[in-house]
């Protein structure tokens, strides 16, 4: 699906050092989701994090690729 492919793209960019920071990967994914689906998307990327968020119904996905985790959700 779109979310998995977008996360893979971010993960590969991090591996290749095209992106140097987790924040850059999060920004890239947020921009893709905002452009593709509208609304206000929020993206958290990293190896270790905890999250407690409010999201719209059926508008959240958590993806783990290798050691990198992606939390993507829409709210607002």
C-alpha atoms as a PDB file:
ATOM      1  CA  UNK A   1       0.000   0.000   0.000  1.00  0.00           C
ATOM      2  CA  UNK A   2       0.974   3.651  -0.250  1.00  0.00           C
ATOM      3  CA  UNK A   3       2.088   3.921   3.397  1.00  0.00           C
ATOM      4  CA  UNK A   4       4.400   0.912   3.208  1.00  0.00           C
ATOM      5  CA  UNK A   5       5.990   2.106  -0.033  1.00  0.00           C
ATOM      6  CA  UNK A   6       6.452   5.615   1.357  1.00  0.00           C
ATOM      7  CA  UNK A   7       8.068   4.235   4.531  1.00  0.00           C
ATOM      8  CA  UNK A   8      10.374   2.014   2.453  1.00  0.00           C
ATOM      9  CA  UNK A   9      11.382   5.057   0.416  1.00  0.00           C
ATOM     10  CA  UNK A  10      12.235   6.922   3.626  1.00  0.00           C
ATOM     11  CA  UNK A  11      14.149   3.948   5.026  1.00  0.00           C
ATOM     12  CA  UNK A  12      16.205   3.542   1.836  1.00  0.00           C
ATOM     13  CA  UNK A  13      16.968   7.282   1.774  1.00  0.00           C
ATOM     14  CA  UNK A  14      18.264   7.005   5.349  1.00  0.00           C
ATOM     15  CA  UNK A  15      20.402   3.969   4.485  1.00  0.00           C
ATOM     16  CA  UNK A  16      21.930   5.719   1.469  1.00  0.00           C
ATOM     17  CA  UNK A  17      22.570   8.850   3.548  1.00  0.00           C
ATOM     18  CA  UNK A  18      20.368  10.866   1.176  1.00  0.00           C
ATOM     19  CA  UNK A  19      18.648  11.836   4.428  1.00  0.00           C
ATOM     20  CA  UNK A  20      20.852  12.267   7.494  1.00  0.00           C
ATOM     21  CA  UNK A  21      18.282  12.750  10.250  1.00  0.00           C
ATOM     22  CA  UNK A  22      15.072  11.015  11.336  1.00  0.00           C
ATOM     23  CA  UNK A  23      13.351  14.398  11.106  1.00  0.00           C
ATOM     24  CA  UNK A  24      14.112  14.627   7.372  1.00  0.00           C
ATOM     25  CA  UNK A  25      12.473  11.243   6.764  1.00  0.00           C
ATOM     26  CA  UNK A  26       9.440  12.312   8.815  1.00  0.00           C
ATOM     27  CA  UNK A  27       9.173  15.566   6.860  1.00  0.00           C
ATOM     28  CA  UNK A  28       9.401  13.746   3.529  1.00  0.00           C
ATOM     29  CA  UNK A  29       6.622  11.314   4.502  1.00  0.00           C
ATOM     30  CA  UNK A  30       4.419  14.064   5.935  1.00  0.00           C
ATOM     31  CA  UNK A  31       4.686  16.069   2.723  1.00  0.00           C
ATOM     32  CA  UNK A  32       3.775  12.990   0.643  1.00  0.00           C
ATOM     33  CA  UNK A  33       0.760  12.167   2.828  1.00  0.00           C
ATOM     34  CA  UNK A  34      -0.458  15.777   2.963  1.00  0.00           C
ATOM     35  CA  UNK A  35      -0.214  16.068  -0.827  1.00  0.00           C
ATOM     36  CA  UNK A  36      -1.783  12.665  -1.555  1.00  0.00           C
ATOM     37  CA  UNK A  37      -4.555  12.530   1.047  1.00  0.00           C
ATOM     38  CA  UNK A  38      -5.080  16.091   2.292  1.00  0.00           C
ATOM     39  CA  UNK A  39      -5.696  16.963   5.909  1.00  0.00           C
ATOM     40  CA  UNK A  40      -3.058  17.244   8.582  1.00  0.00           C
ATOM     41  CA  UNK A  41      -0.787  14.198   8.810  1.00  0.00           C
ATOM     42  CA  UNK A  42       1.739  13.645  11.566  1.00  0.00           C
ATOM     43  CA  UNK A  43       4.787  11.408  11.215  1.00  0.00           C
ATOM     44  CA  UNK A  44       7.170  10.043  13.838  1.00  0.00           C
ATOM     45  CA  UNK A  45      10.283   8.172  12.699  1.00  0.00           C
ATOM     46  CA  UNK A  46      12.967   6.553  14.832  1.00  0.00           C
ATOM     47  CA  UNK A  47      14.359   3.470  16.470  1.00  0.00           C
ATOM     48  CA  UNK A  48      12.925   3.971  19.946  1.00  0.00           C
ATOM     49  CA  UNK A  49       9.945   6.095  20.886  1.00  0.00           C
ATOM     50  CA  UNK A  50       6.707   5.964  22.749  1.00  0.00           C
ATOM     51  CA  UNK A  51       3.578   7.690  21.546  1.00  0.00           C
ATOM     52  CA  UNK A  52       0.119   8.401  22.858  1.00  0.00           C
ATOM     53  CA  UNK A  53      -1.815  10.257  20.192  1.00  0.00           C
ATOM     54  CA  UNK A  54      -5.331  11.113  19.098  1.00  0.00           C
ATOM     55  CA  UNK A  55      -6.072  10.217  15.495  1.00  0.00           C
ATOM     56  CA  UNK A  56      -9.034  10.062  13.180  1.00  0.00           C
ATOM     57  CA  UNK A  57     -10.785   6.698  12.822  1.00  0.00           C
ATOM     58  CA  UNK A  58      -8.850   4.313  10.567  1.00  0.00           C
ATOM     59  CA  UNK A  59      -6.246   7.001   9.844  1.00  0.00           C
ATOM     60  CA  UNK A  60      -3.180   5.607  11.630  1.00  0.00           C
ATOM     61  CA  UNK A  61      -0.500   3.150  10.621  1.00  0.00           C
ATOM     62  CA  UNK A  62       2.572   1.846  12.429  1.00  0.00           C
ATOM     63  CA  UNK A  63       5.277   0.286  10.256  1.00  0.00           C
ATOM     64  CA  UNK A  64       8.590  -1.265  11.293  1.00  0.00           C
ATOM     65  CA  UNK A  65      11.244  -1.717   8.603  1.00  0.00           C
ATOM     66  CA  UNK A  66      14.453  -3.169   9.946  1.00  0.00           C
ATOM     67  CA  UNK A  67      15.381  -1.152  13.032  1.00  0.00           C
ATOM     68  CA  UNK A  68      13.356   1.918  11.963  1.00  0.00           C
ATOM     69  CA  UNK A  69       9.772   2.533  13.092  1.00  0.00           C
ATOM     70  CA  UNK A  70       7.243   4.796  11.393  1.00  0.00           C
ATOM     71  CA  UNK A  71       4.082   6.093  13.051  1.00  0.00           C
ATOM     72  CA  UNK A  72       1.854   7.970  10.608  1.00  0.00           C
ATOM     73  CA  UNK A  73      -1.545   9.364  11.545  1.00  0.00           C
ATOM     74  CA  UNK A  74      -4.041  12.044  10.599  1.00  0.00           C
ATOM     75  CA  UNK A  75      -5.560  14.427  13.093  1.00  0.00           C
ATOM     76  CA  UNK A  76      -7.074  17.823  12.474  1.00  0.00           C
END
